[in-house]
Amino acid sequence: IADDVYYGVQTFRALENFHMSGRPLKDYPYFVKAFAQIKKAAALA
């Protein structure tokens, strides 16, 4: 994995396997923000 990216092997597998819509998650900032809020809540819980 290139050192300059923050995603890892599981994400890389998905990039290889799924070429469906051409719309990556980064096109949906509300969703990415919500996922971070969920993960923060889970860690603190």
ModelCIF file with pLDDT and N, C-alpha, C, O atoms, coordinates in Angstrom:
data_MODEL
#
_entry.id   MODEL 
#
_entity.id                         1 
_entity.type                       polymer 
_entity.pdbx_number_of_molecules   1 
#
_entity_poly.entity_id                      1 
_entity_poly.type                           'polypeptide(L)' 
_entity_poly.nstd_linkage                   no 
_entity_poly.nstd_monomer                   no 
_entity_poly.pdbx_seq_one_letter_code       IADDVYYGVQTFRALENFHMSGRPLKDYPYFVKAFAQIKKAAALA 
_entity_poly.pdbx_seq_one_letter_code_can   IADDVYYGVQTFRALENFHMSGRPLKDYPYFVKAFAQIKKAAALA 
_entity_poly.pdbx_strand_id                 A 
#
loop_
_entity_poly_seq.entity_id 
_entity_poly_seq.num 
_entity_poly_seq.mon_id 
_entity_poly_seq.hetero 
1 1  ILE n 
1 2  ALA n 
1 3  ASP n 
1 4  ASP n 
1 5  VAL n 
1 6  TYR n 
1 7  TYR n 
1 8  GLY n 
1 9  VAL n 
1 10 GLN n 
1 11 THR n 
1 12 PHE n 
1 13 ARG n 
1 14 ALA n 
1 15 LEU n 
1 16 GLU n 
1 17 ASN n 
1 18 PHE n 
1 19 HIS n 
1 20 MET n 
1 21 SER n 
1 22 GLY n 
1 23 ARG n 
1 24 PRO n 
1 25 LEU n 
1 26 LYS n 
1 27 ASP n 
1 28 TYR n 
1 29 PRO n 
1 30 TYR n 
1 31 PHE n 
1 32 VAL n 
1 33 LYS n 
1 34 ALA n 
1 35 PHE n 
1 36 ALA n 
1 37 GLN n 
1 38 ILE n 
1 39 LYS n 
1 40 LYS n 
1 41 ALA n 
1 42 ALA n 
1 43 ALA n 
1 44 LEU n 
1 45 ALA n 
#
_struct_asym.id          A 
_struct_asym.entity_id   1 
#
loop_
_ma_qa_metric.id 
_ma_qa_metric.mode 
_ma_qa_metric.name 
_ma_qa_metric.software_group_id 
_ma_qa_metric.type 
1 global pLDDT . pLDDT 
2 local  pLDDT . pLDDT 
#
_ma_qa_metric_global.metric_id      1 
_ma_qa_metric_global.metric_value   96.16 
_ma_qa_metric_global.model_id       1 
_ma_qa_metric_global.ordinal_id     1 
#
loop_
_ma_qa_metric_local.label_asym_id 
_ma_qa_metric_local.label_comp_id 
_ma_qa_metric_local.label_seq_id 
_ma_qa_metric_local.metric_id 
_ma_qa_metric_local.metric_value 
_ma_qa_metric_local.model_id 
_ma_qa_metric_local.ordinal_id 
A ILE 1  2 94.00 1 1  
A ALA 2  2 94.00 1 2  
A ASP 3  2 94.00 1 3  
A ASP 4  2 95.00 1 4  
A VAL 5  2 97.00 1 5  
A TYR 6  2 98.00 1 6  
A TYR 7  2 98.00 1 7  
A GLY 8  2 97.00 1 8  
A VAL 9  2 96.00 1 9  
A GLN 10 2 95.00 1 10 
A THR 11 2 96.00 1 11 
A PHE 12 2 95.00 1 12 
A ARG 13 2 94.00 1 13 
A ALA 14 2 95.00 1 14 
A LEU 15 2 94.00 1 15 
A GLU 16 2 92.00 1 16 
A ASN 17 2 92.00 1 17 
A PHE 18 2 93.00 1 18 
A HIS 19 2 90.00 1 19 
A MET 20 2 90.00 1 20 
A SER 21 2 94.00 1 21 
A GLY 22 2 94.00 1 22 
A ARG 23 2 96.00 1 23 
A PRO 24 2 97.00 1 24 
A LEU 25 2 97.00 1 25 
A LYS 26 2 98.00 1 26 
A ASP 27 2 98.00 1 27 
A TYR 28 2 98.00 1 28 
A PRO 29 2 98.00 1 29 
A TYR 30 2 98.00 1 30 
A PHE 31 2 98.00 1 31 
A VAL 32 2 98.00 1 32 
A LYS 33 2 98.00 1 33 
A ALA 34 2 98.00 1 34 
A PHE 35 2 98.00 1 35 
A ALA 36 2 98.00 1 36 
A GLN 37 2 98.00 1 37 
A ILE 38 2 98.00 1 38 
A LYS 39 2 98.00 1 39 
A LYS 40 2 98.00 1 40 
A ALA 41 2 98.00 1 41 
A ALA 42 2 98.00 1 42 
A ALA 43 2 98.00 1 43 
A LEU 44 2 98.00 1 44 
A ALA 45 2 98.00 1 45 
#
loop_
_atom_site.group_PDB 
_atom_site.id 
_atom_site.type_symbol 
_atom_site.label_atom_id 
_atom_site.label_alt_id 
_atom_site.label_comp_id 
_atom_site.label_asym_id 
_atom_site.label_entity_id 
_atom_site.label_seq_id 
_atom_site.pdbx_PDB_ins_code 
_atom_site.Cartn_x 
_atom_site.Cartn_y 
_atom_site.Cartn_z 
_atom_site.occupancy 
_atom_site.B_iso_or_equiv 
_atom_site.pdbx_formal_charge 
_atom_site.auth_seq_id 
_atom_site.auth_comp_id 
_atom_site.auth_asym_id 
_atom_site.auth_atom_id 
_atom_site.pdbx_PDB_model_num 
ATOM 1   N N  . ILE A 1 1  ? 0.862   -1.185 0.000   1.00 94.00 ? 1  ILE A N  1 
ATOM 2   C CA . ILE A 1 1  ? 0.000   0.000  0.000   1.00 94.00 ? 1  ILE A CA 1 
ATOM 3   C C  . ILE A 1 1  ? 0.897   1.234  0.000   1.00 94.00 ? 1  ILE A C  1 
ATOM 4   O O  . ILE A 1 1  ? 1.877   1.293  0.743   1.00 94.00 ? 1  ILE A O  1 
ATOM 5   N N  . ALA A 1 2  ? 0.567   2.205  -0.822  1.00 94.00 ? 2  ALA A N  1 
ATOM 6   C CA . ALA A 1 2  ? 1.346   3.448  -0.854  1.00 94.00 ? 2  ALA A CA 1 
ATOM 7   C C  . ALA A 1 2  ? 1.297   4.118  0.519   1.00 94.00 ? 2  ALA A C  1 
ATOM 8   O O  . ALA A 1 2  ? 0.245   4.173  1.157   1.00 94.00 ? 2  ALA A O  1 
ATOM 9   N N  . ASP A 1 3  ? 2.443   4.625  0.963   1.00 94.00 ? 3  ASP A N  1 
ATOM 10  C CA . ASP A 1 3  ? 2.543   5.208  2.299   1.00 94.00 ? 3  ASP A CA 1 
ATOM 11  C C  . ASP A 1 3  ? 1.760   6.509  2.462   1.00 94.00 ? 3  ASP A C  1 
ATOM 12  O O  . ASP A 1 3  ? 1.494   6.934  3.587   1.00 94.00 ? 3  ASP A O  1 
ATOM 13  N N  . ASP A 1 4  ? 1.389   7.142  1.354   1.00 95.00 ? 4  ASP A N  1 
ATOM 14  C CA . ASP A 1 4  ? 0.726   8.436  1.489   1.00 95.00 ? 4  ASP A CA 1 
ATOM 15  C C  . ASP A 1 4  ? -0.786  8.314  1.651   1.00 95.00 ? 4  ASP A C  1 
ATOM 16  O O  . ASP A 1 4  ? -1.466  9.327  1.813   1.00 95.00 ? 4  ASP A O  1 
ATOM 17  N N  . VAL A 1 5  ? -1.335  7.081  1.611   1.00 97.00 ? 5  VAL A N  1 
ATOM 18  C CA . VAL A 1 5  ? -2.774  6.927  1.788   1.00 97.00 ? 5  VAL A CA 1 
ATOM 19  C C  . VAL A 1 5  ? -3.072  6.398  3.189   1.00 97.00 ? 5  VAL A C  1 
ATOM 20  O O  . VAL A 1 5  ? -2.272  5.677  3.785   1.00 97.00 ? 5  VAL A O  1 
ATOM 21  N N  . TYR A 1 6  ? -4.239  6.775  3.696   1.00 98.00 ? 6  TYR A N  1 
ATOM 22  C CA . TYR A 1 6  ? -4.628  6.392  5.055   1.00 98.00 ? 6  TYR A CA 1 
ATOM 23  C C  . TYR A 1 6  ? -5.526  5.164  5.078   1.00 98.00 ? 6  TYR A C  1 
ATOM 24  O O  . TYR A 1 6  ? -5.750  4.583  6.140   1.00 98.00 ? 6  TYR A O  1 
ATOM 25  N N  . TYR A 1 7  ? -6.047  4.758  3.914   1.00 98.00 ? 7  TYR A N  1 
ATOM 26  C CA . TYR A 1 7  ? -6.806  3.516  3.890   1.00 98.00 ? 7  TYR A CA 1 
ATOM 27  C C  . TYR A 1 7  ? -5.840  2.349  3.758   1.00 98.00 ? 7  TYR A C  1 
ATOM 28  O O  . TYR A 1 7  ? -4.653  2.532  3.487   1.00 98.00 ? 7  TYR A O  1 
ATOM 29  N N  . GLY A 1 8  ? -6.375  1.135  3.955   1.00 97.00 ? 8  GLY A N  1 
ATOM 30  C CA . GLY A 1 8  ? -5.511  -0.039 3.982   1.00 97.00 ? 8  GLY A CA 1 
ATOM 31  C C  . GLY A 1 8  ? -5.960  -1.146 3.047   1.00 97.00 ? 8  GLY A C  1 
ATOM 32  O O  . GLY A 1 8  ? -6.604  -0.896 2.028   1.00 97.00 ? 8  GLY A O  1 
ATOM 33  N N  . VAL A 1 9  ? -5.611  -2.369 3.405   1.00 96.00 ? 9  VAL A N  1 
ATOM 34  C CA . VAL A 1 9  ? -5.757  -3.506 2.508   1.00 96.00 ? 9  VAL A CA 1 
ATOM 35  C C  . VAL A 1 9  ? -7.223  -3.806 2.195   1.00 96.00 ? 9  VAL A C  1 
ATOM 36  O O  . VAL A 1 9  ? -7.542  -4.151 1.057   1.00 96.00 ? 9  VAL A O  1 
ATOM 37  N N  . GLN A 1 10 ? -8.121  -3.684 3.171   1.00 95.00 ? 10 GLN A N  1 
ATOM 38  C CA . GLN A 1 10 ? -9.532  -3.989 2.914   1.00 95.00 ? 10 GLN A CA 1 
ATOM 39  C C  . GLN A 1 10 ? -10.131 -2.998 1.923   1.00 95.00 ? 10 GLN A C  1 
ATOM 40  O O  . GLN A 1 10 ? -10.909 -3.377 1.048   1.00 95.00 ? 10 GLN A O  1 
ATOM 41  N N  . THR A 1 11 ? -9.765  -1.732 2.067   1.00 96.00 ? 11 THR A N  1 
ATOM 42  C CA . THR A 1 11 ? -10.230 -0.722 1.118   1.00 96.00 ? 11 THR A CA 1 
ATOM 43  C C  . THR A 1 11 ? -9.667  -0.993 -0.269  1.00 96.00 ? 11 THR A C  1 
ATOM 44  O O  . THR A 1 11 ? -10.362 -0.846 -1.274  1.00 96.00 ? 11 THR A O  1 
ATOM 45  N N  . PHE A 1 12 ? -8.395  -1.392 -0.311  1.00 95.00 ? 12 PHE A N  1 
ATOM 46  C CA . PHE A 1 12 ? -7.758  -1.677 -1.594  1.00 95.00 ? 12 PHE A CA 1 
ATOM 47  C C  . PHE A 1 12 ? -8.446  -2.844 -2.296  1.00 95.00 ? 12 PHE A C  1 
ATOM 48  O O  . PHE A 1 12 ? -8.602  -2.828 -3.517  1.00 95.00 ? 12 PHE A O  1 
ATOM 49  N N  . ARG A 1 13 ? -8.859  -3.858 -1.530  1.00 94.00 ? 13 ARG A N  1 
ATOM 50  C CA . ARG A 1 13 ? -9.603  -4.976 -2.136  1.00 94.00 ? 13 ARG A CA 1 
ATOM 51  C C  . ARG A 1 13 ? -10.903 -4.459 -2.760  1.00 94.00 ? 13 ARG A C  1 
ATOM 52  O O  . ARG A 1 13 ? -11.276 -4.875 -3.857  1.00 94.00 ? 13 ARG A O  1 
ATOM 53  N N  . ALA A 1 14 ? -11.579 -3.565 -2.069  1.00 95.00 ? 14 ALA A N  1 
ATOM 54  C CA . ALA A 1 14 ? -12.839 -3.027 -2.585  1.00 95.00 ? 14 ALA A CA 1 
ATOM 55  C C  . ALA A 1 14 ? -12.622 -2.239 -3.871  1.00 95.00 ? 14 ALA A C  1 
ATOM 56  O O  . ALA A 1 14 ? -13.447 -2.298 -4.783  1.00 95.00 ? 14 ALA A O  1 
ATOM 57  N N  . LEU A 1 15 ? -11.513 -1.501 -3.948  1.00 94.00 ? 15 LEU A N  1 
ATOM 58  C CA . LEU A 1 15 ? -11.193 -0.764 -5.167  1.00 94.00 ? 15 LEU A CA 1 
ATOM 59  C C  . LEU A 1 15 ? -10.988 -1.715 -6.339  1.00 94.00 ? 15 LEU A C  1 
ATOM 60  O O  . LEU A 1 15 ? -11.339 -1.396 -7.475  1.00 94.00 ? 15 LEU A O  1 
ATOM 61  N N  . GLU A 1 16 ? -10.417 -2.890 -6.058  1.00 92.00 ? 16 GLU A N  1 
ATOM 62  C CA . GLU A 1 16 ? -10.205 -3.877 -7.116  1.00 92.00 ? 16 GLU A CA 1 
ATOM 63  C C  . GLU A 1 16 ? -11.512 -4.557 -7.537  1.00 92.00 ? 16 GLU A C  1 
ATOM 64  O O  . GLU A 1 16 ? -11.697 -4.893 -8.707  1.00 92.00 ? 16 GLU A O  1 
ATOM 65  N N  . ASN A 1 17 ? -12.410 -4.753 -6.575  1.00 92.00 ? 17 ASN A N  1 
ATOM 66  C CA . ASN A 1 17 ? -13.572 -5.607 -6.817  1.00 92.00 ? 17 ASN A CA 1 
ATOM 67  C C  . ASN A 1 17 ? -14.826 -4.871 -7.269  1.00 92.00 ? 17 ASN A C  1 
ATOM 68  O O  . ASN A 1 17 ? -15.632 -5.428 -8.014  1.00 92.00 ? 17 ASN A O  1 
ATOM 69  N N  . PHE A 1 18 ? -15.004 -3.623 -6.830  1.00 93.00 ? 18 PHE A N  1 
ATOM 70  C CA . PHE A 1 18 ? -16.284 -2.949 -7.054  1.00 93.00 ? 18 PHE A CA 1 
ATOM 71  C C  . PHE A 1 18 ? -16.114 -1.715 -7.928  1.00 93.00 ? 18 PHE A C  1 
ATOM 72  O O  . PHE A 1 18 ? -15.597 -0.685 -7.495  1.00 93.00 ? 18 PHE A O  1 
ATOM 73  N N  . HIS A 1 19 ? -16.561 -1.849 -9.163  1.00 90.00 ? 19 HIS A N  1 
ATOM 74  C CA . HIS A 1 19 ? -16.585 -0.719 -10.103 1.00 90.00 ? 19 HIS A CA 1 
ATOM 75  C C  . HIS A 1 19 ? -18.036 -0.573 -10.566 1.00 90.00 ? 19 HIS A C  1 
ATOM 76  O O  . HIS A 1 19 ? -18.385 -0.946 -11.686 1.00 90.00 ? 19 HIS A O  1 
ATOM 77  N N  . MET A 1 20 ? -18.857 -0.033 -9.699  1.00 90.00 ? 20 MET A N  1 
ATOM 78  C CA . MET A 1 20 ? -20.300 -0.050 -9.943  1.00 90.00 ? 20 MET A CA 1 
ATOM 79  C C  . MET A 1 20 ? -20.829 1.276  -10.488 1.00 90.00 ? 20 MET A C  1 
ATOM 80  O O  . MET A 1 20 ? -21.371 1.329  -11.591 1.00 90.00 ? 20 MET A O  1 
ATOM 81  N N  . SER A 1 21 ? -20.667 2.343  -9.709  1.00 94.00 ? 21 SER A N  1 
ATOM 82  C CA . SER A 1 21 ? -21.297 3.615  -10.067 1.00 94.00 ? 21 SER A CA 1 
ATOM 83  C C  . SER A 1 21 ? -20.308 4.695  -10.477 1.00 94.00 ? 21 SER A C  1 
ATOM 84  O O  . SER A 1 21 ? -20.684 5.664  -11.137 1.00 94.00 ? 21 SER A O  1 
ATOM 85  N N  . GLY A 1 22 ? -19.041 4.536  -10.088 1.00 94.00 ? 22 GLY A N  1 
ATOM 86  C CA . GLY A 1 22 ? -18.064 5.596  -10.321 1.00 94.00 ? 22 GLY A CA 1 
ATOM 87  C C  . GLY A 1 22 ? -18.198 6.746  -9.352  1.00 94.00 ? 22 GLY A C  1 
ATOM 88  O O  . GLY A 1 22 ? -17.536 7.771  -9.512  1.00 94.00 ? 22 GLY A O  1 
ATOM 89  N N  . ARG A 1 23 ? -19.053 6.592  -8.335  1.00 96.00 ? 23 ARG A N  1 
ATOM 90  C CA . ARG A 1 23 ? -19.252 7.631  -7.319  1.00 96.00 ? 23 ARG A CA 1 
ATOM 91  C C  . ARG A 1 23 ? -18.659 7.152  -6.004  1.00 96.00 ? 23 ARG A C  1 
ATOM 92  O O  . ARG A 1 23 ? -19.276 6.325  -5.332  1.00 96.00 ? 23 ARG A O  1 
ATOM 93  N N  . PRO A 1 24 ? -17.475 7.643  -5.609  1.00 97.00 ? 24 PRO A N  1 
ATOM 94  C CA . PRO A 1 24 ? -16.873 7.202  -4.357  1.00 97.00 ? 24 PRO A CA 1 
ATOM 95  C C  . PRO A 1 24 ? -17.536 7.837  -3.138  1.00 97.00 ? 24 PRO A C  1 
ATOM 96  O O  . PRO A 1 24 ? -18.292 8.802  -3.256  1.00 97.00 ? 24 PRO A O  1 
ATOM 97  N N  . LEU A 1 25 ? -17.241 7.283  -1.981  1.00 97.00 ? 25 LEU A N  1 
ATOM 98  C CA . LEU A 1 25 ? -17.811 7.787  -0.731  1.00 97.00 ? 25 LEU A CA 1 
ATOM 99  C C  . LEU A 1 25 ? -17.503 9.261  -0.508  1.00 97.00 ? 25 LEU A C  1 
ATOM 100 O O  . LEU A 1 25 ? -18.305 9.974  0.094   1.00 97.00 ? 25 LEU A O  1 
ATOM 101 N N  . LYS A 1 26 ? -16.354 9.724  -0.983  1.00 98.00 ? 26 LYS A N  1 
ATOM 102 C CA . LYS A 1 26 ? -15.967 11.116 -0.752  1.00 98.00 ? 26 LYS A CA 1 
ATOM 103 C C  . LYS A 1 26 ? -16.923 12.104 -1.404  1.00 98.00 ? 26 LYS A C  1 
ATOM 104 O O  . LYS A 1 26 ? -16.910 13.289 -1.071  1.00 98.00 ? 26 LYS A O  1 
ATOM 105 N N  . ASP A 1 27 ? -17.760 11.627 -2.337  1.00 98.00 ? 27 ASP A N  1 
ATOM 106 C CA . ASP A 1 27 ? -18.769 12.485 -2.953  1.00 98.00 ? 27 ASP A CA 1 
ATOM 107 C C  . ASP A 1 27 ? -19.955 12.732 -2.021  1.00 98.00 ? 27 ASP A C  1 
ATOM 108 O O  . ASP A 1 27 ? -20.852 13.512 -2.343  1.00 98.00 ? 27 ASP A O  1 
ATOM 109 N N  . TYR A 1 28 ? -19.956 12.065 -0.865  1.00 98.00 ? 28 TYR A N  1 
ATOM 110 C CA . TYR A 1 28 ? -21.077 12.158 0.078   1.00 98.00 ? 28 TYR A CA 1 
ATOM 111 C C  . TYR A 1 28 ? -20.557 12.583 1.462   1.00 98.00 ? 28 TYR A C  1 
ATOM 112 O O  . TYR A 1 28 ? -20.490 11.764 2.378   1.00 98.00 ? 28 TYR A O  1 
ATOM 113 N N  . PRO A 1 29 ? -20.190 13.859 1.607   1.00 98.00 ? 29 PRO A N  1 
ATOM 114 C CA . PRO A 1 29 ? -19.556 14.311 2.867   1.00 98.00 ? 29 PRO A CA 1 
ATOM 115 C C  . PRO A 1 29 ? -20.447 14.161 4.089   1.00 98.00 ? 29 PRO A C  1 
ATOM 116 O O  . PRO A 1 29 ? -19.938 13.932 5.186   1.00 98.00 ? 29 PRO A O  1 
ATOM 117 N N  . TYR A 1 30 ? -21.770 14.283 3.933   1.00 98.00 ? 30 TYR A N  1 
ATOM 118 C CA . TYR A 1 30 ? -22.658 14.075 5.084   1.00 98.00 ? 30 TYR A CA 1 
ATOM 119 C C  . TYR A 1 30 ? -22.496 12.655 5.618   1.00 98.00 ? 30 TYR A C  1 
ATOM 120 O O  . TYR A 1 30 ? -22.477 12.434 6.828   1.00 98.00 ? 30 TYR A O  1 
ATOM 121 N N  . PHE A 1 31 ? -22.382 11.706 4.706   1.00 98.00 ? 31 PHE A N  1 
ATOM 122 C CA . PHE A 1 31 ? -22.272 10.292 5.079   1.00 98.00 ? 31 PHE A CA 1 
ATOM 123 C C  . PHE A 1 31 ? -20.941 10.013 5.769   1.00 98.00 ? 31 PHE A C  1 
ATOM 124 O O  . PHE A 1 31 ? -20.899 9.322  6.787   1.00 98.00 ? 31 PHE A O  1 
ATOM 125 N N  . VAL A 1 32 ? -19.862 10.544 5.220   1.00 98.00 ? 32 VAL A N  1 
ATOM 126 C CA . VAL A 1 32 ? -18.537 10.347 5.823   1.00 98.00 ? 32 VAL A CA 1 
ATOM 127 C C  . VAL A 1 32 ? -18.503 10.970 7.222   1.00 98.00 ? 32 VAL A C  1 
ATOM 128 O O  . VAL A 1 32 ? -17.989 10.364 8.163   1.00 98.00 ? 32 VAL A O  1 
ATOM 129 N N  . LYS A 1 33 ? -19.044 12.167 7.353   1.00 98.00 ? 33 LYS A N  1 
ATOM 130 C CA . LYS A 1 33 ? -19.097 12.818 8.667   1.00 98.00 ? 33 LYS A CA 1 
ATOM 131 C C  . LYS A 1 33 ? -19.899 11.979 9.651   1.00 98.00 ? 33 LYS A C  1 
ATOM 132 O O  . LYS A 1 33 ? -19.496 11.812 10.802  1.00 98.00 ? 33 LYS A O  1 
ATOM 133 N N  . ALA A 1 34 ? -21.033 11.453 9.202   1.00 98.00 ? 34 ALA A N  1 
ATOM 134 C CA . ALA A 1 34 ? -21.874 10.641 10.079  1.00 98.00 ? 34 ALA A CA 1 
ATOM 135 C C  . ALA A 1 34 ? -21.146 9.372  10.516  1.00 98.00 ? 34 ALA A C  1 
ATOM 136 O O  . ALA A 1 34 ? -21.260 8.954  11.668  1.00 98.00 ? 34 ALA A O  1 
ATOM 137 N N  . PHE A 1 35 ? -20.403 8.761  9.602   1.00 98.00 ? 35 PHE A N  1 
ATOM 138 C CA . PHE A 1 35 ? -19.647 7.550  9.965   1.00 98.00 ? 35 PHE A CA 1 
ATOM 139 C C  . PHE A 1 35 ? -18.618 7.879  11.045  1.00 98.00 ? 35 PHE A C  1 
ATOM 140 O O  . PHE A 1 35 ? -18.418 7.100  11.977  1.00 98.00 ? 35 PHE A O  1 
ATOM 141 N N  . ALA A 1 36 ? -17.966 9.034  10.916  1.00 98.00 ? 36 ALA A N  1 
ATOM 142 C CA . ALA A 1 36 ? -16.987 9.444  11.930  1.00 98.00 ? 36 ALA A CA 1 
ATOM 143 C C  . ALA A 1 36 ? -17.669 9.693  13.272  1.00 98.00 ? 36 ALA A C  1 
ATOM 144 O O  . ALA A 1 36 ? -17.118 9.352  14.318  1.00 98.00 ? 36 ALA A O  1 
ATOM 145 N N  . GLN A 1 37 ? -18.848 10.277 13.251  1.00 98.00 ? 37 GLN A N  1 
ATOM 146 C CA . GLN A 1 37 ? -19.587 10.502 14.501  1.00 98.00 ? 37 GLN A CA 1 
ATOM 147 C C  . GLN A 1 37 ? -19.965 9.177  15.154  1.00 98.00 ? 37 GLN A C  1 
ATOM 148 O O  . GLN A 1 37 ? -19.881 9.035  16.374  1.00 98.00 ? 37 GLN A O  1 
ATOM 149 N N  . ILE A 1 38 ? -20.381 8.210  14.343  1.00 98.00 ? 38 ILE A N  1 
ATOM 150 C CA . ILE A 1 38 ? -20.728 6.879  14.854  1.00 98.00 ? 38 ILE A CA 1 
ATOM 151 C C  . ILE A 1 38 ? -19.498 6.213  15.467  1.00 98.00 ? 38 ILE A C  1 
ATOM 152 O O  . ILE A 1 38 ? -19.576 5.654  16.561  1.00 98.00 ? 38 ILE A O  1 
ATOM 153 N N  . LYS A 1 39 ? -18.366 6.271  14.770  1.00 98.00 ? 39 LYS A N  1 
ATOM 154 C CA . LYS A 1 39 ? -17.145 5.618  15.248  1.00 98.00 ? 39 LYS A CA 1 
ATOM 155 C C  . LYS A 1 39 ? -16.613 6.284  16.519  1.00 98.00 ? 39 LYS A C  1 
ATOM 156 O O  . LYS A 1 39 ? -16.095 5.611  17.410  1.00 98.00 ? 39 LYS A O  1 
ATOM 157 N N  . LYS A 1 40 ? -16.745 7.602  16.596  1.00 98.00 ? 40 LYS A N  1 
ATOM 158 C CA . LYS A 1 40 ? -16.333 8.307  17.815  1.00 98.00 ? 40 LYS A CA 1 
ATOM 159 C C  . LYS A 1 40 ? -17.204 7.872  18.993  1.00 98.00 ? 40 LYS A C  1 
ATOM 160 O O  . LYS A 1 40 ? -16.699 7.582  20.078  1.00 98.00 ? 40 LYS A O  1 
ATOM 161 N N  . ALA A 1 41 ? -18.506 7.830  18.766  1.00 98.00 ? 41 ALA A N  1 
ATOM 162 C CA . ALA A 1 41 ? -19.423 7.419  19.832  1.00 98.00 ? 41 ALA A CA 1 
ATOM 163 C C  . ALA A 1 41 ? -19.126 5.994  20.285  1.00 98.00 ? 41 ALA A C  1 
ATOM 164 O O  . ALA A 1 41 ? -19.170 5.692  21.478  1.00 98.00 ? 41 ALA A O  1 
ATOM 165 N N  . ALA A 1 42 ? -18.820 5.113  19.319  1.00 98.00 ? 42 ALA A N  1 
ATOM 166 C CA . ALA A 1 42 ? -18.526 3.718  19.657  1.00 98.00 ? 42 ALA A CA 1 
ATOM 167 C C  . ALA A 1 42 ? -17.258 3.607  20.505  1.00 98.00 ? 42 ALA A C  1 
ATOM 168 O O  . ALA A 1 42 ? -17.231 2.874  21.493  1.00 98.00 ? 42 ALA A O  1 
ATOM 169 N N  . ALA A 1 43 ? -16.216 4.329  20.120  1.00 98.00 ? 43 ALA A N  1 
ATOM 170 C CA . ALA A 1 43 ? -14.956 4.279  20.868  1.00 98.00 ? 43 ALA A CA 1 
ATOM 171 C C  . ALA A 1 43 ? -15.142 4.783  22.299  1.00 98.00 ? 43 ALA A C  1 
ATOM 172 O O  . ALA A 1 43 ? -14.664 4.165  23.250  1.00 98.00 ? 43 ALA A O  1 
ATOM 173 N N  . LEU A 1 44 ? -15.838 5.904  22.443  1.00 98.00 ? 44 LEU A N  1 
ATOM 174 C CA . LEU A 1 44 ? -16.033 6.472  23.781  1.00 98.00 ? 44 LEU A CA 1 
ATOM 175 C C  . LEU A 1 44 ? -16.975 5.611  24.623  1.00 98.00 ? 44 LEU A C  1 
ATOM 176 O O  . LEU A 1 44 ? -16.822 5.531  25.842  1.00 98.00 ? 44 LEU A O  1 
ATOM 177 N N  . ALA A 1 45 ? -17.940 4.973  23.978  1.00 98.00 ? 45 ALA A N  1 
ATOM 178 C CA . ALA A 1 45 ? -18.830 4.058  24.708  1.00 98.00 ? 45 ALA A CA 1 
ATOM 179 C C  . ALA A 1 45 ? -18.057 2.831  25.190  1.00 98.00 ? 45 ALA A C  1 
ATOM 180 O O  . ALA A 1 45 ? -18.634 1.947  25.823  1.00 98.00 ? 45 ALA A O  1 
#
